[in-house]
Amino acid sequence: MTAGWWRMQVQELGHIVLYVHNLDRSVAFYRDVLGWNQLSGIDGGGKVALFSAPTGRTHHELLLIDVGEDAGRLPTGRHVGLYHFGLKIGDSDDQLREALQRLNEADAKVLGSSDHTVTHSLYVADPDGNEIELYIDVPGVDWRTDPSLIAAPVKPLVL
């Protein structure tokens, strides 16, 4: 085969799979705090839980697999691997403020916030320390017309 004969084309991010220490604790966080729709939980030699966003875009967008409390912890500090994953939660700062209030009520670990020009973001850790960016697309910012906006300097977020 010659180069360029066939080129794979990613269509969309399909789903995220996370190993967790305690499935019940993680299900409570992703379902009750972040608002994912739990599709099912299966215990057939290994406990798992599947989730989808309210839009039901695909069969599942998040899969949690219980590996037990004795599994190794995530590395801290600079390391190779997943930094965070982003979840769009709306299109207004009011929705972000509501999310922050909900996170605080649930005693979730809020790590910080940022104004990325095209998005406003909160950063939170799940029960196992996986970092999640909860963001809104900033109304009126057209990054498709001006892609340089995506690389704008990060600023402090004022909610």
N, C-alpha and C. Protein backbone atom coordinates (compact mmCIF):
# COMPACT_ATOMS: atom_id res chain seq x y z
N MET A 1 0.84 -1.18 0.00
CA MET A 1 0.00 0.00 0.00
C MET A 1 0.88 1.24 0.00
N THR A 2 0.44 2.24 -0.67
CA THR A 2 1.20 3.49 -0.71
C THR A 2 0.63 4.44 0.33
N ALA A 3 1.51 5.31 0.79
CA ALA A 3 1.09 6.30 1.78
C ALA A 3 -0.02 7.16 1.20
N GLY A 4 -1.02 7.43 2.00
CA GLY A 4 -2.12 8.27 1.55
C GLY A 4 -3.25 7.50 0.87
N TRP A 5 -3.06 6.19 0.66
CA TRP A 5 -4.11 5.39 0.03
C TRP A 5 -5.38 5.43 0.86
N TRP A 6 -5.21 5.30 2.14
CA TRP A 6 -6.35 5.34 3.05
C TRP A 6 -5.94 6.12 4.28
N ARG A 7 -6.73 7.06 4.64
CA ARG A 7 -6.44 7.88 5.81
C ARG A 7 -7.58 7.78 6.79
N MET A 8 -7.25 7.35 8.00
CA MET A 8 -8.27 7.27 9.04
C MET A 8 -8.75 8.68 9.37
N GLN A 9 -10.03 8.83 9.65
CA GLN A 9 -10.60 10.12 10.01
C GLN A 9 -11.43 9.95 11.27
N VAL A 10 -10.96 10.50 12.37
CA VAL A 10 -11.72 10.46 13.62
C VAL A 10 -12.98 11.29 13.43
N GLN A 11 -14.12 10.75 13.82
CA GLN A 11 -15.40 11.44 13.67
C GLN A 11 -15.80 12.22 14.93
N GLU A 12 -15.50 11.66 16.09
CA GLU A 12 -15.82 12.31 17.36
C GLU A 12 -15.19 11.52 18.48
N LEU A 13 -15.08 12.13 19.65
CA LEU A 13 -14.66 11.39 20.83
C LEU A 13 -15.84 10.55 21.27
N GLY A 14 -15.64 9.26 21.32
CA GLY A 14 -16.75 8.35 21.61
C GLY A 14 -17.06 8.20 23.08
N HIS A 15 -16.07 7.81 23.87
CA HIS A 15 -16.30 7.61 25.30
C HIS A 15 -14.99 7.63 26.06
N ILE A 16 -15.12 7.74 27.36
CA ILE A 16 -14.00 7.73 28.29
C ILE A 16 -14.22 6.55 29.23
N VAL A 17 -13.14 5.82 29.51
CA VAL A 17 -13.20 4.71 30.45
C VAL A 17 -12.23 5.01 31.58
N LEU A 18 -12.72 4.93 32.81
CA LEU A 18 -11.89 5.19 33.99
C LEU A 18 -11.91 4.00 34.93
N TYR A 19 -10.73 3.61 35.41
CA TYR A 19 -10.64 2.67 36.51
C TYR A 19 -10.89 3.44 37.79
N VAL A 20 -11.67 2.87 38.69
CA VAL A 20 -11.98 3.54 39.96
C VAL A 20 -11.75 2.58 41.12
N HIS A 21 -11.44 3.15 42.28
CA HIS A 21 -11.20 2.33 43.47
C HIS A 21 -12.51 1.80 44.07
N ASN A 22 -13.55 2.60 44.02
CA ASN A 22 -14.81 2.24 44.68
C ASN A 22 -15.95 2.67 43.76
N LEU A 23 -16.59 1.70 43.14
CA LEU A 23 -17.61 2.01 42.14
C LEU A 23 -18.79 2.78 42.73
N ASP A 24 -19.25 2.40 43.90
CA ASP A 24 -20.39 3.10 44.49
C ASP A 24 -20.08 4.58 44.73
N ARG A 25 -18.90 4.86 45.24
CA ARG A 25 -18.49 6.25 45.50
C ARG A 25 -18.40 7.04 44.19
N SER A 26 -17.81 6.42 43.16
CA SER A 26 -17.66 7.10 41.87
C SER A 26 -18.99 7.28 41.17
N VAL A 27 -19.86 6.28 41.25
CA VAL A 27 -21.20 6.42 40.66
C VAL A 27 -21.93 7.59 41.31
N ALA A 28 -21.84 7.70 42.62
CA ALA A 28 -22.51 8.81 43.31
C ALA A 28 -21.97 10.16 42.82
N PHE A 29 -20.67 10.25 42.59
CA PHE A 29 -20.09 11.50 42.11
C PHE A 29 -20.55 11.82 40.69
N TYR A 30 -20.38 10.89 39.77
CA TYR A 30 -20.70 11.17 38.37
C TYR A 30 -22.21 11.30 38.14
N ARG A 31 -23.01 10.54 38.85
CA ARG A 31 -24.47 10.60 38.68
C ARG A 31 -25.08 11.75 39.48
N ASP A 32 -24.77 11.78 40.78
CA ASP A 32 -25.48 12.70 41.68
C ASP A 32 -24.88 14.11 41.71
N VAL A 33 -23.57 14.23 41.52
CA VAL A 33 -22.94 15.55 41.55
C VAL A 33 -22.86 16.15 40.15
N LEU A 34 -22.33 15.36 39.19
CA LEU A 34 -22.16 15.90 37.83
C LEU A 34 -23.40 15.74 36.95
N GLY A 35 -24.34 14.90 37.33
CA GLY A 35 -25.60 14.80 36.61
C GLY A 35 -25.62 13.89 35.38
N TRP A 36 -24.67 12.96 35.29
CA TRP A 36 -24.71 11.99 34.19
C TRP A 36 -25.91 11.07 34.37
N ASN A 37 -26.46 10.57 33.28
CA ASN A 37 -27.52 9.57 33.33
C ASN A 37 -26.87 8.20 33.41
N GLN A 38 -27.15 7.46 34.48
CA GLN A 38 -26.60 6.11 34.59
C GLN A 38 -27.44 5.17 33.76
N LEU A 39 -26.78 4.48 32.84
CA LEU A 39 -27.47 3.56 31.95
C LEU A 39 -27.62 2.19 32.59
N SER A 40 -26.54 1.72 33.21
CA SER A 40 -26.59 0.41 33.84
C SER A 40 -25.38 0.22 34.72
N GLY A 41 -25.48 -0.80 35.51
CA GLY A 41 -24.36 -1.28 36.30
C GLY A 41 -24.36 -2.78 36.17
N ILE A 42 -23.20 -3.36 36.02
CA ILE A 42 -23.11 -4.79 35.79
C ILE A 42 -22.11 -5.36 36.78
N ASP A 43 -22.42 -6.50 37.35
CA ASP A 43 -21.47 -7.20 38.21
C ASP A 43 -21.37 -8.63 37.71
N GLY A 44 -20.49 -8.84 36.76
CA GLY A 44 -20.28 -10.18 36.20
C GLY A 44 -18.81 -10.52 36.23
N GLY A 45 -18.25 -10.63 37.41
CA GLY A 45 -16.82 -10.87 37.52
C GLY A 45 -16.06 -9.57 37.67
N GLY A 46 -16.69 -8.47 37.42
CA GLY A 46 -16.07 -7.16 37.58
C GLY A 46 -17.18 -6.13 37.56
N LYS A 47 -17.16 -5.21 38.50
CA LYS A 47 -18.24 -4.23 38.58
C LYS A 47 -17.95 -3.05 37.67
N VAL A 48 -18.96 -2.67 36.88
CA VAL A 48 -18.84 -1.53 35.98
C VAL A 48 -20.13 -0.72 36.02
N ALA A 49 -20.05 0.52 35.57
CA ALA A 49 -21.23 1.38 35.43
C ALA A 49 -21.06 2.19 34.15
N LEU A 50 -22.15 2.29 33.39
CA LEU A 50 -22.14 3.04 32.14
C LEU A 50 -23.03 4.27 32.28
N PHE A 51 -22.58 5.36 31.64
CA PHE A 51 -23.31 6.62 31.72
C PHE A 51 -23.41 7.26 30.34
N SER A 52 -24.43 8.11 30.20
CA SER A 52 -24.59 8.89 28.99
C SER A 52 -25.03 10.30 29.39
N ALA A 53 -24.69 11.26 28.54
CA ALA A 53 -25.17 12.62 28.76
C ALA A 53 -26.67 12.67 28.48
N PRO A 54 -27.37 13.68 28.98
CA PRO A 54 -28.82 13.77 28.75
C PRO A 54 -29.21 13.78 27.27
N THR A 55 -28.31 14.21 26.40
CA THR A 55 -28.63 14.23 24.97
C THR A 55 -28.70 12.84 24.38
N GLY A 56 -28.10 11.86 25.05
CA GLY A 56 -28.13 10.49 24.54
C GLY A 56 -27.47 10.36 23.18
N ARG A 57 -26.39 11.08 22.98
CA ARG A 57 -25.71 11.12 21.68
C ARG A 57 -25.22 9.76 21.24
N THR A 58 -24.82 8.93 22.18
CA THR A 58 -24.28 7.61 21.84
C THR A 58 -24.65 6.61 22.93
N HIS A 59 -24.31 5.35 22.70
CA HIS A 59 -24.68 4.28 23.64
C HIS A 59 -24.11 4.49 25.03
N HIS A 60 -22.91 5.05 25.15
CA HIS A 60 -22.36 5.47 26.44
C HIS A 60 -21.20 6.41 26.19
N GLU A 61 -21.03 7.34 27.10
CA GLU A 61 -19.93 8.29 26.99
C GLU A 61 -18.93 8.13 28.12
N LEU A 62 -19.34 7.44 29.17
CA LEU A 62 -18.46 7.21 30.30
C LEU A 62 -18.69 5.80 30.82
N LEU A 63 -17.59 5.09 31.04
CA LEU A 63 -17.63 3.76 31.64
C LEU A 63 -16.69 3.77 32.82
N LEU A 64 -17.19 3.35 33.96
CA LEU A 64 -16.37 3.22 35.17
C LEU A 64 -16.17 1.74 35.45
N ILE A 65 -14.93 1.36 35.73
CA ILE A 65 -14.60 -0.03 36.04
C ILE A 65 -13.97 -0.08 37.43
N ASP A 66 -14.58 -0.83 38.34
CA ASP A 66 -14.08 -0.96 39.70
C ASP A 66 -12.86 -1.87 39.72
N VAL A 67 -11.74 -1.34 40.20
CA VAL A 67 -10.51 -2.15 40.32
C VAL A 67 -10.14 -2.37 41.78
N GLY A 68 -10.95 -1.88 42.71
CA GLY A 68 -10.71 -2.13 44.13
C GLY A 68 -9.80 -1.11 44.79
N GLU A 69 -9.93 -1.04 46.10
CA GLU A 69 -9.17 -0.06 46.89
C GLU A 69 -7.67 -0.35 46.90
N ASP A 70 -7.28 -1.60 46.59
CA ASP A 70 -5.86 -1.94 46.64
C ASP A 70 -5.12 -1.60 45.34
N ALA A 71 -5.83 -1.12 44.33
CA ALA A 71 -5.18 -0.74 43.07
C ALA A 71 -4.31 0.50 43.29
N GLY A 72 -3.28 0.65 42.49
CA GLY A 72 -2.37 1.78 42.61
C GLY A 72 -3.08 3.11 42.43
N ARG A 73 -2.53 4.13 43.02
CA ARG A 73 -3.08 5.49 42.94
C ARG A 73 -2.54 6.18 41.69
N LEU A 74 -3.21 7.26 41.29
CA LEU A 74 -2.73 8.07 40.18
C LEU A 74 -1.43 8.75 40.59
N PRO A 75 -0.50 8.91 39.65
CA PRO A 75 0.72 9.64 40.00
C PRO A 75 0.41 11.12 40.24
N THR A 76 1.21 11.73 41.08
CA THR A 76 1.04 13.17 41.33
C THR A 76 2.14 13.93 40.63
N GLY A 77 1.96 15.23 40.49
CA GLY A 77 2.97 16.06 39.83
C GLY A 77 2.99 15.82 38.33
N ARG A 78 4.05 16.30 37.71
CA ARG A 78 4.17 16.16 36.25
C ARG A 78 4.41 14.70 35.90
N HIS A 79 3.62 14.18 34.97
CA HIS A 79 3.76 12.81 34.51
C HIS A 79 3.11 12.66 33.14
N VAL A 80 3.46 11.63 32.46
CA VAL A 80 2.86 11.34 31.17
C VAL A 80 1.49 10.69 31.40
N GLY A 81 0.54 11.01 30.56
CA GLY A 81 -0.78 10.41 30.67
C GLY A 81 -1.86 11.47 30.69
N LEU A 82 -3.03 11.05 31.04
CA LEU A 82 -4.19 11.94 31.05
C LEU A 82 -3.99 13.09 32.03
N TYR A 83 -4.22 14.31 31.56
CA TYR A 83 -4.19 15.49 32.44
C TYR A 83 -5.60 15.75 32.95
N HIS A 84 -6.54 15.93 32.03
CA HIS A 84 -7.94 16.08 32.40
C HIS A 84 -8.80 15.82 31.17
N PHE A 85 -10.10 15.68 31.40
CA PHE A 85 -11.03 15.66 30.27
C PHE A 85 -12.09 16.71 30.53
N GLY A 86 -12.62 17.28 29.44
CA GLY A 86 -13.55 18.39 29.54
C GLY A 86 -14.98 17.96 29.27
N LEU A 87 -15.89 18.52 30.04
CA LEU A 87 -17.32 18.27 29.88
C LEU A 87 -18.03 19.61 29.74
N LYS A 88 -18.67 19.80 28.61
CA LYS A 88 -19.44 21.03 28.41
C LYS A 88 -20.72 20.93 29.21
N ILE A 89 -20.98 21.98 30.02
CA ILE A 89 -22.17 21.96 30.86
C ILE A 89 -23.14 23.07 30.50
N GLY A 90 -22.85 23.86 29.47
CA GLY A 90 -23.79 24.90 29.08
C GLY A 90 -23.15 25.99 28.26
N ASP A 91 -23.87 27.12 28.21
CA ASP A 91 -23.45 28.26 27.39
C ASP A 91 -23.54 29.58 28.14
N SER A 92 -23.59 29.52 29.48
CA SER A 92 -23.67 30.78 30.22
C SER A 92 -22.93 30.66 31.55
N ASP A 93 -22.43 31.80 32.01
CA ASP A 93 -21.77 31.82 33.31
C ASP A 93 -22.74 31.49 34.43
N ASP A 94 -24.03 31.76 34.24
CA ASP A 94 -25.02 31.37 35.26
C ASP A 94 -24.99 29.86 35.46
N GLN A 95 -24.87 29.10 34.39
CA GLN A 95 -24.80 27.65 34.50
C GLN A 95 -23.52 27.23 35.21
N LEU A 96 -22.44 27.94 34.96
CA LEU A 96 -21.18 27.63 35.63
C LEU A 96 -21.27 27.98 37.13
N ARG A 97 -21.92 29.09 37.46
CA ARG A 97 -22.12 29.45 38.86
C ARG A 97 -22.97 28.40 39.58
N GLU A 98 -24.02 27.93 38.91
CA GLU A 98 -24.87 26.88 39.49
C GLU A 98 -24.06 25.61 39.71
N ALA A 99 -23.20 25.27 38.76
CA ALA A 99 -22.35 24.08 38.91
C ALA A 99 -21.42 24.25 40.10
N LEU A 100 -20.82 25.42 40.24
CA LEU A 100 -19.92 25.67 41.37
C LEU A 100 -20.66 25.54 42.70
N GLN A 101 -21.87 26.06 42.75
CA GLN A 101 -22.67 25.94 43.97
C GLN A 101 -22.94 24.47 44.26
N ARG A 102 -23.31 23.70 43.25
CA ARG A 102 -23.59 22.26 43.44
C ARG A 102 -22.34 21.52 43.89
N LEU A 103 -21.20 21.84 43.29
CA LEU A 103 -19.94 21.20 43.68
C LEU A 103 -19.61 21.51 45.14
N ASN A 104 -19.79 22.77 45.53
CA ASN A 104 -19.52 23.15 46.92
C ASN A 104 -20.47 22.46 47.89
N GLU A 105 -21.76 22.37 47.53
CA GLU A 105 -22.73 21.67 48.38
C GLU A 105 -22.38 20.20 48.56
N ALA A 106 -21.79 19.60 47.53
CA ALA A 106 -21.43 18.18 47.57
C ALA A 106 -20.04 17.95 48.14
N ASP A 107 -19.38 19.02 48.59
CA ASP A 107 -18.01 18.95 49.10
C ASP A 107 -17.06 18.32 48.09
N ALA A 108 -17.30 18.60 46.81
CA ALA A 108 -16.40 18.13 45.76
C ALA A 108 -15.12 18.96 45.80
N LYS A 109 -14.04 18.38 45.36
CA LYS A 109 -12.75 19.05 45.38
C LYS A 109 -12.61 19.92 44.13
N VAL A 110 -12.85 21.22 44.30
CA VAL A 110 -12.69 22.18 43.21
C VAL A 110 -11.22 22.61 43.18
N LEU A 111 -10.58 22.42 42.03
CA LEU A 111 -9.15 22.66 41.91
C LEU A 111 -8.81 24.06 41.40
N GLY A 112 -9.75 24.69 40.69
CA GLY A 112 -9.47 26.01 40.16
C GLY A 112 -10.47 26.40 39.10
N SER A 113 -10.18 27.54 38.47
CA SER A 113 -11.05 28.05 37.40
C SER A 113 -10.19 28.87 36.44
N SER A 114 -10.67 29.00 35.19
CA SER A 114 -9.93 29.75 34.18
C SER A 114 -10.87 30.35 33.15
N ASP A 115 -10.45 31.50 32.62
CA ASP A 115 -11.10 32.13 31.48
C ASP A 115 -10.19 31.87 30.28
N HIS A 116 -10.64 31.00 29.38
CA HIS A 116 -9.87 30.63 28.20
C HIS A 116 -10.32 31.42 26.96
N THR A 117 -11.01 32.51 27.13
CA THR A 117 -11.57 33.36 26.08
C THR A 117 -12.74 32.66 25.38
N VAL A 118 -12.53 31.47 24.84
CA VAL A 118 -13.61 30.75 24.15
C VAL A 118 -14.45 29.95 25.13
N THR A 119 -13.87 29.61 26.27
CA THR A 119 -14.60 28.89 27.31
C THR A 119 -14.30 29.50 28.67
N HIS A 120 -15.22 29.30 29.59
CA HIS A 120 -15.00 29.57 31.01
C HIS A 120 -15.06 28.22 31.69
N SER A 121 -14.10 27.95 32.56
CA SER A 121 -13.92 26.59 33.07
C SER A 121 -13.73 26.53 34.57
N LEU A 122 -14.30 25.46 35.15
CA LEU A 122 -14.02 25.05 36.52
C LEU A 122 -13.27 23.72 36.41
N TYR A 123 -12.36 23.49 37.33
CA TYR A 123 -11.63 22.23 37.36
C TYR A 123 -11.93 21.55 38.69
N VAL A 124 -12.26 20.27 38.62
CA VAL A 124 -12.67 19.51 39.79
C VAL A 124 -11.99 18.14 39.73
N ALA A 125 -11.76 17.55 40.90
CA ALA A 125 -11.21 16.20 40.97
C ALA A 125 -12.33 15.23 41.33
N ASP A 126 -12.35 14.08 40.66
CA ASP A 126 -13.31 13.05 41.04
C ASP A 126 -12.76 12.32 42.27
N PRO A 127 -13.50 11.37 42.84
CA PRO A 127 -13.04 10.71 44.07
C PRO A 127 -11.68 10.01 43.96
N ASP A 128 -11.25 9.66 42.75
CA ASP A 128 -9.96 9.00 42.58
C ASP A 128 -8.86 9.96 42.14
N GLY A 129 -9.19 11.25 42.02
CA GLY A 129 -8.20 12.25 41.66
C GLY A 129 -8.11 12.57 40.18
N ASN A 130 -8.97 11.98 39.35
CA ASN A 130 -9.00 12.34 37.94
C ASN A 130 -9.51 13.78 37.82
N GLU A 131 -8.80 14.59 37.04
CA GLU A 131 -9.19 15.98 36.89
C GLU A 131 -10.19 16.13 35.75
N ILE A 132 -11.23 16.91 36.01
CA ILE A 132 -12.30 17.14 35.04
C ILE A 132 -12.47 18.63 34.87
N GLU A 133 -12.54 19.07 33.63
CA GLU A 133 -12.84 20.47 33.32
C GLU A 133 -14.32 20.55 33.00
N LEU A 134 -15.04 21.36 33.75
CA LEU A 134 -16.45 21.65 33.49
C LEU A 134 -16.48 23.03 32.86
N TYR A 135 -16.99 23.13 31.64
CA TYR A 135 -16.88 24.41 30.94
C TYR A 135 -18.17 24.80 30.24
N ILE A 136 -18.23 26.10 29.94
CA ILE A 136 -19.29 26.65 29.10
C ILE A 136 -18.60 27.33 27.92
N ASP A 137 -19.25 27.29 26.78
CA ASP A 137 -18.77 28.06 25.63
C ASP A 137 -19.23 29.49 25.83
N VAL A 138 -18.30 30.43 25.69
CA VAL A 138 -18.62 31.83 25.92
C VAL A 138 -19.46 32.36 24.76
N PRO A 139 -20.66 32.88 25.07
CA PRO A 139 -21.52 33.41 24.00
C PRO A 139 -20.83 34.54 23.23
N GLY A 140 -21.02 34.55 21.93
CA GLY A 140 -20.52 35.62 21.09
C GLY A 140 -19.07 35.49 20.67
N VAL A 141 -18.36 34.48 21.16
CA VAL A 141 -16.97 34.28 20.77
C VAL A 141 -16.95 33.27 19.62
N ASP A 142 -16.53 33.74 18.46
CA ASP A 142 -16.56 32.90 17.26
C ASP A 142 -15.16 32.41 16.91
N TRP A 143 -14.76 31.30 17.54
CA TRP A 143 -13.43 30.75 17.31
C TRP A 143 -13.30 30.10 15.93
N ARG A 144 -14.42 29.77 15.31
CA ARG A 144 -14.35 29.19 13.96
C ARG A 144 -13.88 30.24 12.95
N THR A 145 -14.34 31.47 13.12
CA THR A 145 -13.92 32.56 12.25
C THR A 145 -12.51 33.03 12.60
N ASP A 146 -12.19 33.01 13.90
CA ASP A 146 -10.87 33.45 14.36
C ASP A 146 -10.26 32.37 15.26
N PRO A 147 -9.66 31.34 14.65
CA PRO A 147 -9.09 30.23 15.44
C PRO A 147 -8.00 30.66 16.42
N SER A 148 -7.40 31.83 16.23
CA SER A 148 -6.36 32.29 17.16
C SER A 148 -6.93 32.48 18.57
N LEU A 149 -8.24 32.67 18.69
CA LEU A 149 -8.86 32.84 20.00
C LEU A 149 -8.66 31.61 20.88
N ILE A 150 -8.54 30.44 20.27
CA ILE A 150 -8.37 29.20 21.03
C ILE A 150 -7.05 29.23 21.80
N ALA A 151 -6.04 29.89 21.26
CA ALA A 151 -4.73 29.95 21.89
C ALA A 151 -4.52 31.24 22.68
N ALA A 152 -5.58 31.97 22.97
CA ALA A 152 -5.45 33.21 23.74
C ALA A 152 -4.89 32.90 25.13
N PRO A 153 -4.18 33.84 25.72
CA PRO A 153 -3.63 33.60 27.06
C PRO A 153 -4.75 33.30 28.08
N VAL A 154 -4.48 32.40 28.99
CA VAL A 154 -5.43 32.05 30.04
C VAL A 154 -5.48 33.18 31.06
N LYS A 155 -6.71 33.55 31.44
CA LYS A 155 -6.90 34.62 32.41
C LYS A 155 -7.66 34.09 33.62
N PRO A 156 -7.58 34.78 34.74
CA PRO A 156 -8.39 34.38 35.89
C PRO A 156 -9.89 34.50 35.54
N LEU A 157 -10.67 33.58 36.04
CA LEU A 157 -12.12 33.61 35.80
C LEU A 157 -12.81 34.37 36.91
N VAL A 158 -13.63 35.33 36.52
CA VAL A 158 -14.43 36.08 37.48
C VAL A 158 -15.87 35.65 37.28
N LEU A 159 -16.40 34.94 38.27
CA LEU A 159 -17.81 34.53 38.23
C LEU A 159 -18.58 35.46 39.12
